[in-house]
Amino acid sequence: MDPIIPHIESLIFASDEPITLKEIRDCLETVLEATFKDEELMEGITTLQARYAQEGYGFELTEIAGGYQFLTKPAYHNTVGTFLRQTTRKRLSRAALETLSIIAYRQPITKSDMEKIRGVSCDYSVQKLLEKELVEITGRDEGPGRPLLYGTSAKFMDYFGLKSLEDLPKPKEFKEADFEIGEKAPIEEDVTEGDNREEEE
Protein backbone atom coordinates (compact mmCIF):
# COMPACT_ATOMS: atom_id res chain seq x y z
CA MET A 1 0.00 0.00 0.00
CA ASP A 2 1.19 3.49 -0.85
CA PRO A 3 2.55 4.97 2.41
CA ILE A 4 0.80 8.31 1.85
CA ILE A 5 -2.67 6.71 1.77
CA PRO A 6 -3.03 6.46 5.59
CA HIS A 7 -2.01 10.11 5.82
CA ILE A 8 -4.68 11.12 3.30
CA GLU A 9 -7.22 8.96 5.08
CA SER A 10 -6.47 10.50 8.48
CA LEU A 11 -6.76 14.05 7.11
CA ILE A 12 -10.15 13.41 5.51
CA PHE A 13 -11.36 11.64 8.65
CA ALA A 14 -10.24 14.46 10.95
CA SER A 15 -11.77 17.27 8.88
CA ASP A 16 -15.33 18.28 9.80
CA GLU A 17 -15.75 19.87 6.36
CA PRO A 18 -14.85 18.68 2.86
CA ILE A 19 -11.06 18.92 2.55
CA THR A 20 -9.63 20.00 -0.81
CA LEU A 21 -6.81 18.39 -2.74
CA LYS A 22 -4.70 21.51 -2.19
CA GLU A 23 -5.23 21.34 1.58
CA ILE A 24 -4.20 17.69 1.59
CA ARG A 25 -1.09 18.42 -0.50
CA ASP A 26 -0.04 21.43 1.57
CA CYS A 27 -0.31 19.45 4.79
CA LEU A 28 1.50 16.37 3.51
CA GLU A 29 4.32 18.39 2.00
CA THR A 30 4.82 20.17 5.32
CA VAL A 31 4.71 17.01 7.43
CA LEU A 32 6.59 14.64 5.13
CA GLU A 33 8.93 17.27 3.70
CA ALA A 34 8.38 16.03 0.16
CA THR A 35 6.67 17.25 -2.98
CA PHE A 36 3.51 15.54 -4.23
CA LYS A 37 1.74 15.79 -7.57
CA ASP A 38 -2.03 15.95 -7.73
CA GLU A 39 -2.00 12.70 -9.68
CA GLU A 40 -0.27 10.89 -6.79
CA LEU A 41 -2.77 12.17 -4.29
CA MET A 42 -5.72 11.32 -6.55
CA GLU A 43 -4.47 7.75 -6.84
CA GLY A 44 -4.53 7.50 -3.06
CA ILE A 45 -8.02 9.02 -2.87
CA THR A 46 -9.29 6.65 -5.59
CA THR A 47 -7.88 3.68 -3.63
CA LEU A 48 -9.70 4.85 -0.51
CA GLN A 49 -12.94 5.38 -2.42
CA ALA A 50 -12.77 1.83 -3.79
CA ARG A 51 -12.06 0.44 -0.31
CA TYR A 52 -14.99 2.12 1.40
CA ALA A 53 -17.36 1.41 -1.49
CA GLN A 54 -17.21 -2.26 -0.53
CA GLU A 55 -19.86 -3.92 1.59
CA GLY A 56 -19.06 -4.00 5.26
CA TYR A 57 -18.52 -0.25 5.58
CA GLY A 58 -21.28 2.06 6.75
CA PHE A 59 -19.70 5.13 5.19
CA GLU A 60 -18.02 6.09 1.93
CA LEU A 61 -15.52 8.64 0.68
CA THR A 62 -17.37 11.23 -1.38
CA GLU A 63 -16.27 14.18 -3.48
CA ILE A 64 -18.44 17.06 -2.36
CA ALA A 65 -18.33 20.87 -2.39
CA GLY A 66 -14.91 20.93 -4.05
CA GLY A 67 -13.32 18.55 -1.55
CA TYR A 68 -13.52 15.08 -0.02
CA GLN A 69 -15.41 13.87 3.02
CA PHE A 70 -16.50 10.63 4.66
CA LEU A 71 -20.30 10.40 4.55
CA THR A 72 -22.78 7.79 5.73
CA LYS A 73 -23.97 5.51 2.96
CA PRO A 74 -27.62 6.08 1.92
CA ALA A 75 -28.65 2.68 3.31
CA TYR A 76 -27.85 3.91 6.83
CA HIS A 77 -29.25 7.47 6.64
CA ASN A 78 -32.37 6.50 8.59
CA THR A 79 -30.32 4.91 11.38
CA VAL A 80 -28.06 7.93 11.77
CA GLY A 81 -30.96 10.36 11.37
CA THR A 82 -32.89 8.61 14.14
CA PHE A 83 -29.88 8.77 16.44
CA LEU A 84 -29.34 12.47 15.77
CA ARG A 85 -33.01 13.25 16.35
CA GLN A 86 -32.99 11.35 19.63
CA THR A 87 -29.80 12.92 20.94
CA THR A 88 -30.87 16.40 19.86
CA ARG A 89 -34.18 16.12 21.67
CA LYS A 90 -32.45 14.86 24.80
CA ARG A 91 -30.29 17.95 24.93
CA LEU A 92 -33.12 20.42 24.44
CA SER A 93 -35.38 21.65 27.20
CA ARG A 94 -39.11 21.88 26.65
CA ALA A 95 -38.83 25.65 26.32
CA ALA A 96 -36.19 25.29 23.58
CA LEU A 97 -38.27 22.70 21.74
CA GLU A 98 -41.32 24.97 21.83
CA THR A 99 -39.28 27.88 20.51
CA LEU A 100 -37.70 25.72 17.79
CA SER A 101 -41.15 24.54 16.68
CA ILE A 102 -42.38 28.12 16.40
CA ILE A 103 -39.36 29.12 14.34
CA ALA A 104 -39.70 26.08 12.07
CA TYR A 105 -43.34 26.74 11.25
CA ARG A 106 -43.38 30.56 11.23
CA GLN A 107 -39.95 31.46 9.81
CA PRO A 108 -38.65 33.99 9.18
CA ILE A 109 -39.81 35.29 12.55
CA THR A 110 -38.67 37.88 15.06
CA LYS A 111 -38.04 37.15 18.72
CA SER A 112 -40.90 39.41 19.77
CA ASP A 113 -43.32 37.41 17.60
CA MET A 114 -42.06 34.18 19.18
CA GLU A 115 -42.72 35.66 22.60
CA LYS A 116 -46.27 36.68 21.61
CA ILE A 117 -46.97 33.05 20.72
CA ARG A 118 -45.27 31.50 23.77
CA GLY A 119 -46.29 34.18 26.21
CA VAL A 120 -42.85 34.27 27.85
CA SER A 121 -39.34 35.49 27.08
CA CYS A 122 -37.49 33.47 24.42
CA ASP A 123 -34.05 35.02 24.93
CA TYR A 124 -32.47 31.99 26.61
CA SER A 125 -34.00 29.43 24.24
CA VAL A 126 -32.99 31.36 21.12
CA GLN A 127 -29.46 31.69 22.48
CA LYS A 128 -29.24 27.92 23.07
CA LEU A 129 -30.66 27.11 19.65
CA LEU A 130 -28.12 29.42 18.02
CA GLU A 131 -25.31 27.76 20.00
CA LYS A 132 -26.47 24.33 18.80
CA GLU A 133 -26.67 25.73 15.25
CA LEU A 134 -30.26 24.55 14.84
CA VAL A 135 -31.42 28.07 13.98
CA GLU A 136 -29.72 31.00 12.33
CA ILE A 137 -30.22 34.70 11.77
CA THR A 138 -31.69 35.17 8.30
CA GLY A 139 -31.92 38.96 8.11
CA ARG A 140 -33.78 41.91 9.60
CA ASP A 141 -37.45 42.76 9.65
CA GLU A 142 -38.54 46.00 7.99
CA GLY A 143 -40.53 47.05 11.07
CA PRO A 144 -39.54 49.55 13.77
CA GLY A 145 -36.04 48.95 15.05
CA ARG A 146 -35.45 46.38 12.29
CA PRO A 147 -35.35 43.39 14.66
CA LEU A 148 -33.46 40.23 13.70
CA LEU A 149 -35.26 37.47 11.84
CA TYR A 150 -34.66 33.82 12.70
CA GLY A 151 -35.05 30.64 10.68
CA THR A 152 -33.99 27.01 10.83
CA SER A 153 -30.52 26.00 9.63
CA ALA A 154 -29.13 23.26 7.42
CA LYS A 155 -28.13 21.42 10.60
CA PHE A 156 -31.79 21.44 11.66
CA MET A 157 -32.67 19.70 8.40
CA ASP A 158 -29.96 17.08 8.92
CA TYR A 159 -30.86 16.42 12.56
CA PHE A 160 -34.54 15.91 11.86
CA GLY A 161 -34.03 14.00 8.61
CA LEU A 162 -35.82 16.54 6.41
CA LYS A 163 -35.15 17.09 2.73
CA SER A 164 -37.03 20.39 2.80
CA LEU A 165 -39.37 22.33 5.06
CA GLU A 166 -42.22 20.81 3.07
CA ASP A 167 -41.47 17.57 4.93
CA LEU A 168 -42.46 19.10 8.28
CA PRO A 169 -45.63 17.46 9.64
CA LYS A 170 -48.77 19.44 8.86
CA PRO A 171 -50.80 20.54 11.92
CA LYS A 172 -53.67 18.26 10.87
CA GLU A 173 -51.28 15.28 11.01
CA PHE A 174 -50.74 15.65 14.76
CA LYS A 175 -52.72 13.34 16.99
CA GLU A 176 -54.92 14.79 19.70
CA ALA A 177 -52.43 13.59 22.33
CA ASP A 178 -49.77 15.80 20.78
CA PHE A 179 -51.70 18.87 21.92
CA GLU A 180 -52.01 17.76 25.52
CA ILE A 181 -50.19 19.72 28.20
CA GLY A 182 -47.30 17.91 29.84
CA GLU A 183 -45.19 14.98 28.71
CA LYS A 184 -45.46 11.25 29.33
CA ALA A 185 -41.69 10.96 29.57
CA PRO A 186 -39.36 13.82 30.55
CA ILE A 187 -36.64 15.07 28.25
CA GLU A 188 -33.35 13.79 29.59
CA GLU A 189 -31.65 17.13 29.97
CA ASP A 190 -32.57 18.89 33.19
CA VAL A 191 -34.29 22.21 32.65
CA THR A 192 -31.74 24.91 33.36
CA GLU A 193 -32.21 28.01 35.43
CA GLY A 194 -32.58 29.96 32.22
CA ASP A 195 -35.53 27.83 31.15
CA ASN A 196 -37.11 28.17 34.59
CA ARG A 197 -36.88 31.94 34.26
CA GLU A 198 -38.63 31.77 30.90
CA GLU A 199 -41.48 29.61 32.19
CA GLU A 200 -42.03 31.85 35.20
CA GLU A 201 -42.03 35.15 33.32
C-alpha atoms as a PDB file:
ATOM      1  CA  MET A   1       0.000   0.000   0.000  1.00  0.00           C
ATOM      2  CA  ASP A   2       1.194   3.486  -0.851  1.00  0.00           C
ATOM      3  CA  PRO A   3       2.551   4.967   2.413  1.00  0.00           C
ATOM      4  CA  ILE A   4       0.799   8.307   1.845  1.00  0.00           C
ATOM      5  CA  ILE A   5      -2.669   6.712   1.773  1.00  0.00           C
ATOM      6  CA  PRO A   6      -3.035   6.463   5.586  1.00  0.00           C
ATOM      7  CA  HIS A   7      -2.006  10.110   5.822  1.00  0.00           C
ATOM      8  CA  ILE A   8      -4.683  11.120   3.302  1.00  0.00           C
ATOM      9  CA  GLU A   9      -7.225   8.958   5.083  1.00  0.00           C
ATOM     10  CA  SER A  10      -6.472  10.503   8.476  1.00  0.00           C
ATOM     11  CA  LEU A  11      -6.759  14.049   7.110  1.00  0.00           C
ATOM     12  CA  ILE A  12     -10.150  13.405   5.513  1.00  0.00           C
ATOM     13  CA  PHE A  13     -11.363  11.642   8.651  1.00  0.00           C
ATOM     14  CA  ALA A  14     -10.242  14.462  10.947  1.00  0.00           C
ATOM     15  CA  SER A  15     -11.774  17.267   8.876  1.00  0.00           C
ATOM     16  CA  ASP A  16     -15.330  18.279   9.799  1.00  0.00           C
ATOM     17  CA  GLU A  17     -15.747  19.870   6.363  1.00  0.00           C
ATOM     18  CA  PRO A  18     -14.848  18.675   2.855  1.00  0.00           C
ATOM     19  CA  ILE A  19     -11.061  18.918   2.545  1.00  0.00           C
ATOM     20  CA  THR A  20      -9.629  20.000  -0.807  1.00  0.00           C
ATOM     21  CA  LEU A  21      -6.815  18.389  -2.739  1.00  0.00           C
ATOM     22  CA  LYS A  22      -4.704  21.508  -2.186  1.00  0.00           C
ATOM     23  CA  GLU A  23      -5.230  21.340   1.582  1.00  0.00           C
ATOM     24  CA  ILE A  24      -4.197  17.693   1.590  1.00  0.00           C
ATOM     25  CA  ARG A  25      -1.091  18.417  -0.501  1.00  0.00           C
ATOM     26  CA  ASP A  26      -0.043  21.430   1.572  1.00  0.00           C
ATOM     27  CA  CYS A  27      -0.306  19.452   4.795  1.00  0.00           C
ATOM     28  CA  LEU A  28       1.503  16.368   3.514  1.00  0.00           C
ATOM     29  CA  GLU A  29       4.318  18.394   1.998  1.00  0.00           C
ATOM     30  CA  THR A  30       4.823  20.173   5.325  1.00  0.00           C
ATOM     31  CA  VAL A  31       4.709  17.011   7.428  1.00  0.00           C
ATOM     32  CA  LEU A  32       6.591  14.637   5.133  1.00  0.00           C
ATOM     33  CA  GLU A  33       8.934  17.266   3.703  1.00  0.00           C
ATOM     34  CA  ALA A  34       8.375  16.035   0.162  1.00  0.00           C
ATOM     35  CA  THR A  35       6.665  17.251  -2.985  1.00  0.00           C
ATOM     36  CA  PHE A  36       3.508  15.541  -4.230  1.00  0.00           C
ATOM     37  CA  LYS A  37       1.742  15.795  -7.568  1.00  0.00           C
ATOM     38  CA  ASP A  38      -2.025  15.953  -7.728  1.00  0.00           C
ATOM     39  CA  GLU A  39      -2.000  12.696  -9.676  1.00  0.00           C
ATOM     40  CA  GLU A  40      -0.274  10.891  -6.790  1.00  0.00           C
ATOM     41  CA  LEU A  41      -2.770  12.171  -4.295  1.00  0.00           C
ATOM     42  CA  MET A  42      -5.720  11.323  -6.551  1.00  0.00           C
ATOM     43  CA  GLU A  43      -4.472   7.746  -6.838  1.00  0.00           C
ATOM     44  CA  GLY A  44      -4.534   7.503  -3.056  1.00  0.00           C
ATOM     45  CA  ILE A  45      -8.020   9.018  -2.873  1.00  0.00           C
ATOM     46  CA  THR A  46      -9.288   6.649  -5.587  1.00  0.00           C
ATOM     47  CA  THR A  47      -7.879   3.685  -3.631  1.00  0.00           C
ATOM     48  CA  LEU A  48      -9.703   4.855  -0.506  1.00  0.00           C
ATOM     49  CA  GLN A  49     -12.936   5.379  -2.418  1.00  0.00           C
ATOM     50  CA  ALA A  50     -12.770   1.830  -3.787  1.00  0.00           C
ATOM     51  CA  ARG A  51     -12.060   0.438  -0.315  1.00  0.00           C
ATOM     52  CA  TYR A  52     -14.987   2.120   1.404  1.00  0.00           C
ATOM     53  CA  ALA A  53     -17.357   1.414  -1.491  1.00  0.00           C
ATOM     54  CA  GLN A  54     -17.207  -2.264  -0.532  1.00  0.00           C
ATOM     55  CA  GLU A  55     -19.863  -3.919   1.587  1.00  0.00           C
ATOM     56  CA  GLY A  56     -19.064  -4.003   5.260  1.00  0.00           C
ATOM     57  CA  TYR A  57     -18.524  -0.252   5.584  1.00  0.00           C
ATOM     58  CA  GLY A  58     -21.285   2.062   6.754  1.00  0.00           C
ATOM     59  CA  PHE A  59     -19.699   5.129   5.187  1.00  0.00           C
ATOM     60  CA  GLU A  60     -18.019   6.092   1.926  1.00  0.00           C
ATOM     61  CA  LEU A  61     -15.516   8.641   0.675  1.00  0.00           C
ATOM     62  CA  THR A  62     -17.371  11.226  -1.381  1.00  0.00           C
ATOM     63  CA  GLU A  63     -16.273  14.178  -3.484  1.00  0.00           C
ATOM     64  CA  ILE A  64     -18.443  17.062  -2.360  1.00  0.00           C
ATOM     65  CA  ALA A  65     -18.327  20.871  -2.385  1.00  0.00           C
ATOM     66  CA  GLY A  66     -14.906  20.933  -4.049  1.00  0.00           C
ATOM     67  CA  GLY A  67     -13.324  18.553  -1.551  1.00  0.00           C
ATOM     68  CA  TYR A  68     -13.515  15.080  -0.025  1.00  0.00           C
ATOM     69  CA  GLN A  69     -15.413  13.871   3.017  1.00  0.00           C
ATOM     70  CA  PHE A  70     -16.496  10.628   4.656  1.00  0.00           C
ATOM     71  CA  LEU A  71     -20.299  10.396   4.546  1.00  0.00           C
ATOM     72  CA  THR A  72     -22.776   7.791   5.729  1.00  0.00           C
ATOM     73  CA  LYS A  73     -23.974   5.506   2.958  1.00  0.00           C
ATOM     74  CA  PRO A  74     -27.620   6.075   1.923  1.00  0.00           C
ATOM     75  CA  ALA A  75     -28.648   2.680   3.314  1.00  0.00           C
ATOM     76  CA  TYR A  76     -27.852   3.910   6.830  1.00  0.00           C
ATOM     77  CA  HIS A  77     -29.248   7.468   6.644  1.00  0.00           C
ATOM     78  CA  ASN A  78     -32.368   6.496   8.588  1.00  0.00           C
ATOM     79  CA  THR A  79     -30.324   4.911  11.375  1.00  0.00           C
ATOM     80  CA  VAL A  80     -28.056   7.928  11.767  1.00  0.00           C
ATOM     81  CA  GLY A  81     -30.955  10.356  11.367  1.00  0.00           C
ATOM     82  CA  THR A  82     -32.890   8.609  14.136  1.00  0.00           C
ATOM     83  CA  PHE A  83     -29.876   8.770  16.440  1.00  0.00           C
ATOM     84  CA  LEU A  84     -29.341  12.466  15.766  1.00  0.00           C
ATOM     85  CA  ARG A  85     -33.006  13.253  16.350  1.00  0.00           C
ATOM     86  CA  GLN A  86     -32.986  11.347  19.629  1.00  0.00           C
ATOM     87  CA  THR A  87     -29.803  12.919  20.942  1.00  0.00           C
ATOM     88  CA  THR A  88     -30.870  16.401  19.856  1.00  0.00           C
ATOM     89  CA  ARG A  89     -34.183  16.120  21.674  1.00  0.00           C
ATOM     90  CA  LYS A  90     -32.450  14.865  24.796  1.00  0.00           C
ATOM     91  CA  ARG A  91     -30.288  17.955  24.927  1.00  0.00           C
ATOM     92  CA  LEU A  92     -33.116  20.425  24.444  1.00  0.00           C
ATOM     93  CA  SER A  93     -35.384  21.655  27.205  1.00  0.00           C
ATOM     94  CA  ARG A  94     -39.110  21.878  26.652  1.00  0.00           C
ATOM     95  CA  ALA A  95     -38.827  25.653  26.322  1.00  0.00           C
ATOM     96  CA  ALA A  96     -36.185  25.293  23.584  1.00  0.00           C
ATOM     97  CA  LEU A  97     -38.274  22.699  21.739  1.00  0.00           C
ATOM     98  CA  GLU A  98     -41.320  24.966  21.827  1.00  0.00           C
ATOM     99  CA  THR A  99     -39.279  27.883  20.508  1.00  0.00           C
ATOM    100  CA  LEU A 100     -37.700  25.724  17.793  1.00  0.00           C
ATOM    101  CA  SER A 101     -41.148  24.543  16.678  1.00  0.00           C
ATOM    102  CA  ILE A 102     -42.385  28.123  16.398  1.00  0.00           C
ATOM    103  CA  ILE A 103     -39.358  29.124  14.340  1.00  0.00           C
ATOM    104  CA  ALA A 104     -39.698  26.075  12.072  1.00  0.00           C
ATOM    105  CA  TYR A 105     -43.344  26.743  11.247  1.00  0.00           C
ATOM    106  CA  ARG A 106     -43.382  30.559  11.233  1.00  0.00           C
ATOM    107  CA  GLN A 107     -39.947  31.455   9.810  1.00  0.00           C
ATOM    108  CA  PRO A 108     -38.647  33.994   9.183  1.00  0.00           C
ATOM    109  CA  ILE A 109     -39.808  35.287  12.547  1.00  0.00           C
ATOM    110  CA  THR A 110     -38.669  37.880  15.061  1.00  0.00           C
ATOM    111  CA  LYS A 111     -38.038  37.152  18.720  1.00  0.00           C
ATOM    112  CA  SER A 112     -40.905  39.408  19.773  1.00  0.00           C
ATOM    113  CA  ASP A 113     -43.317  37.413  17.597  1.00  0.00           C
ATOM    114  CA  MET A 114     -42.060  34.177  19.180  1.00  0.00           C
ATOM    115  CA  GLU A 115     -42.723  35.661  22.601  1.00  0.00           C
ATOM    116  CA  LYS A 116     -46.266  36.683  21.610  1.00  0.00           C
ATOM    117  CA  ILE A 117     -46.965  33.054  20.722  1.00  0.00           C
ATOM    118  CA  ARG A 118     -45.273  31.499  23.771  1.00  0.00           C
ATOM    119  CA  GLY A 119     -46.286  34.177  26.212  1.00  0.00           C
ATOM    120  CA  VAL A 120     -42.852  34.270  27.852  1.00  0.00           C
ATOM    121  CA  SER A 121     -39.344  35.493  27.077  1.00  0.00           C
ATOM    122  CA  CYS A 122     -37.487  33.469  24.423  1.00  0.00           C
ATOM    123  CA  ASP A 123     -34.047  35.016  24.925  1.00  0.00           C
ATOM    124  CA  TYR A 124     -32.474  31.994  26.612  1.00  0.00           C
ATOM    125  CA  SER A 125     -34.003  29.432  24.238  1.00  0.00           C
ATOM    126  CA  VAL A 126     -32.989  31.364  21.117  1.00  0.00           C
ATOM    127  CA  GLN A 127     -29.457  31.688  22.481  1.00  0.00           C
ATOM    128  CA  LYS A 128     -29.236  27.923  23.067  1.00  0.00           C
ATOM    129  CA  LEU A 129     -30.658  27.110  19.645  1.00  0.00           C
ATOM    130  CA  LEU A 130     -28.119  29.420  18.018  1.00  0.00           C
ATOM    131  CA  GLU A 131     -25.311  27.755  19.999  1.00  0.00           C
ATOM    132  CA  LYS A 132     -26.469  24.332  18.805  1.00  0.00           C
ATOM    133  CA  GLU A 133     -26.667  25.734  15.247  1.00  0.00           C
ATOM    134  CA  LEU A 134     -30.260  24.550  14.841  1.00  0.00           C
ATOM    135  CA  VAL A 135     -31.417  28.069  13.981  1.00  0.00           C
ATOM    136  CA  GLU A 136     -29.719  30.998  12.326  1.00  0.00           C
ATOM    137  CA  ILE A 137     -30.217  34.703  11.768  1.00  0.00           C
ATOM    138  CA  THR A 138     -31.690  35.170   8.299  1.00  0.00           C
ATOM    139  CA  GLY A 139     -31.918  38.958   8.106  1.00  0.00           C
ATOM    140  CA  ARG A 140     -33.778  41.906   9.598  1.00  0.00           C
ATOM    141  CA  ASP A 141     -37.451  42.764   9.654  1.00  0.00           C
ATOM    142  CA  GLU A 142     -38.537  45.999   7.987  1.00  0.00           C
ATOM    143  CA  GLY A 143     -40.530  47.053  11.066  1.00  0.00           C
ATOM    144  CA  PRO A 144     -39.539  49.554  13.774  1.00  0.00           C
ATOM    145  CA  GLY A 145     -36.035  48.955  15.054  1.00  0.00           C
ATOM    146  CA  ARG A 146     -35.446  46.384  12.290  1.00  0.00           C
ATOM    147  CA  PRO A 147     -35.347  43.387  14.662  1.00  0.00           C
ATOM    148  CA  LEU A 148     -33.461  40.233  13.695  1.00  0.00           C
ATOM    149  CA  LEU A 149     -35.259  37.467  11.836  1.00  0.00           C
ATOM    150  CA  TYR A 150     -34.660  33.820  12.698  1.00  0.00           C
ATOM    151  CA  GLY A 151     -35.049  30.642  10.681  1.00  0.00           C
ATOM    152  CA  THR A 152     -33.987  27.007  10.834  1.00  0.00           C
ATOM    153  CA  SER A 153     -30.519  25.995   9.634  1.00  0.00           C
ATOM    154  CA  ALA A 154     -29.128  23.256   7.415  1.00  0.00           C
ATOM    155  CA  LYS A 155     -28.135  21.419  10.603  1.00  0.00           C
ATOM    156  CA  PHE A 156     -31.787  21.438  11.664  1.00  0.00           C
ATOM    157  CA  MET A 157     -32.667  19.701   8.395  1.00  0.00           C
ATOM    158  CA  ASP A 158     -29.960  17.081   8.923  1.00  0.00           C
ATOM    159  CA  TYR A 159     -30.861  16.424  12.556  1.00  0.00           C
ATOM    160  CA  PHE A 160     -34.542  15.911  11.858  1.00  0.00           C
ATOM    161  CA  GLY A 161     -34.031  14.004   8.606  1.00  0.00           C
ATOM    162  CA  LEU A 162     -35.825  16.544   6.410  1.00  0.00           C
ATOM    163  CA  LYS A 163     -35.148  17.095   2.725  1.00  0.00           C
ATOM    164  CA  SER A 164     -37.025  20.389   2.799  1.00  0.00           C
ATOM    165  CA  LEU A 165     -39.371  22.334   5.056  1.00  0.00           C
ATOM    166  CA  GLU A 166     -42.218  20.812   3.068  1.00  0.00           C
ATOM    167  CA  ASP A 167     -41.468  17.571   4.928  1.00  0.00           C
ATOM    168  CA  LEU A 168     -42.462  19.098   8.277  1.00  0.00           C
ATOM    169  CA  PRO A 169     -45.630  17.458   9.637  1.00  0.00           C
ATOM    170  CA  LYS A 170     -48.768  19.442   8.864  1.00  0.00           C
ATOM    171  CA  PRO A 171     -50.801  20.537  11.923  1.00  0.00           C
ATOM    172  CA  LYS A 172     -53.668  18.258  10.873  1.00  0.00           C
ATOM    173  CA  GLU A 173     -51.283  15.282  11.008  1.00  0.00           C
ATOM    174  CA  PHE A 174     -50.740  15.649  14.758  1.00  0.00           C
ATOM    175  CA  LYS A 175     -52.716  13.344  16.986  1.00  0.00           C
ATOM    176  CA  GLU A 176     -54.916  14.791  19.699  1.00  0.00           C
ATOM    177  CA  ALA A 177     -52.426  13.595  22.330  1.00  0.00           C
ATOM    178  CA  ASP A 178     -49.773  15.802  20.779  1.00  0.00           C
ATOM    179  CA  PHE A 179     -51.697  18.871  21.918  1.00  0.00           C
ATOM    180  CA  GLU A 180     -52.013  17.757  25.524  1.00  0.00           C
ATOM    181  CA  ILE A 181     -50.192  19.725  28.195  1.00  0.00           C
ATOM    182  CA  GLY A 182     -47.304  17.912  29.840  1.00  0.00           C
ATOM    183  CA  GLU A 183     -45.187  14.979  28.709  1.00  0.00           C
ATOM    184  CA  LYS A 184     -45.458  11.252  29.326  1.00  0.00           C
ATOM    185  CA  ALA A 185     -41.687  10.962  29.568  1.00  0.00           C
ATOM    186  CA  PRO A 186     -39.360  13.825  30.547  1.00  0.00           C
ATOM    187  CA  ILE A 187     -36.642  15.073  28.251  1.00  0.00           C
ATOM    188  CA  GLU A 188     -33.348  13.786  29.595  1.00  0.00           C
ATOM    189  CA  GLU A 189     -31.646  17.126  29.971  1.00  0.00           C
ATOM    190  CA  ASP A 190     -32.571  18.894  33.188  1.00  0.00           C
ATOM    191  CA  VAL A 191     -34.290  22.212  32.650  1.00  0.00           C
ATOM    192  CA  THR A 192     -31.741  24.907  33.357  1.00  0.00           C
ATOM    193  CA  GLU A 193     -32.207  28.011  35.427  1.00  0.00           C
ATOM    194  CA  GLY A 194     -32.577  29.963  32.215  1.00  0.00           C
ATOM    195  CA  ASP A 195     -35.526  27.834  31.154  1.00  0.00           C
ATOM    196  CA  ASN A 196     -37.106  28.172  34.591  1.00  0.00           C
ATOM    197  CA  ARG A 197     -36.877  31.937  34.256  1.00  0.00           C
ATOM    198  CA  GLU A 198     -38.626  31.767  30.899  1.00  0.00           C
ATOM    199  CA  GLU A 199     -41.484  29.614  32.192  1.00  0.00           C
ATOM    200  CA  GLU A 200     -42.032  31.847  35.200  1.00  0.00           C
ATOM    201  CA  GLU A 201     -42.031  35.148  33.323  1.00  0.00           C
END
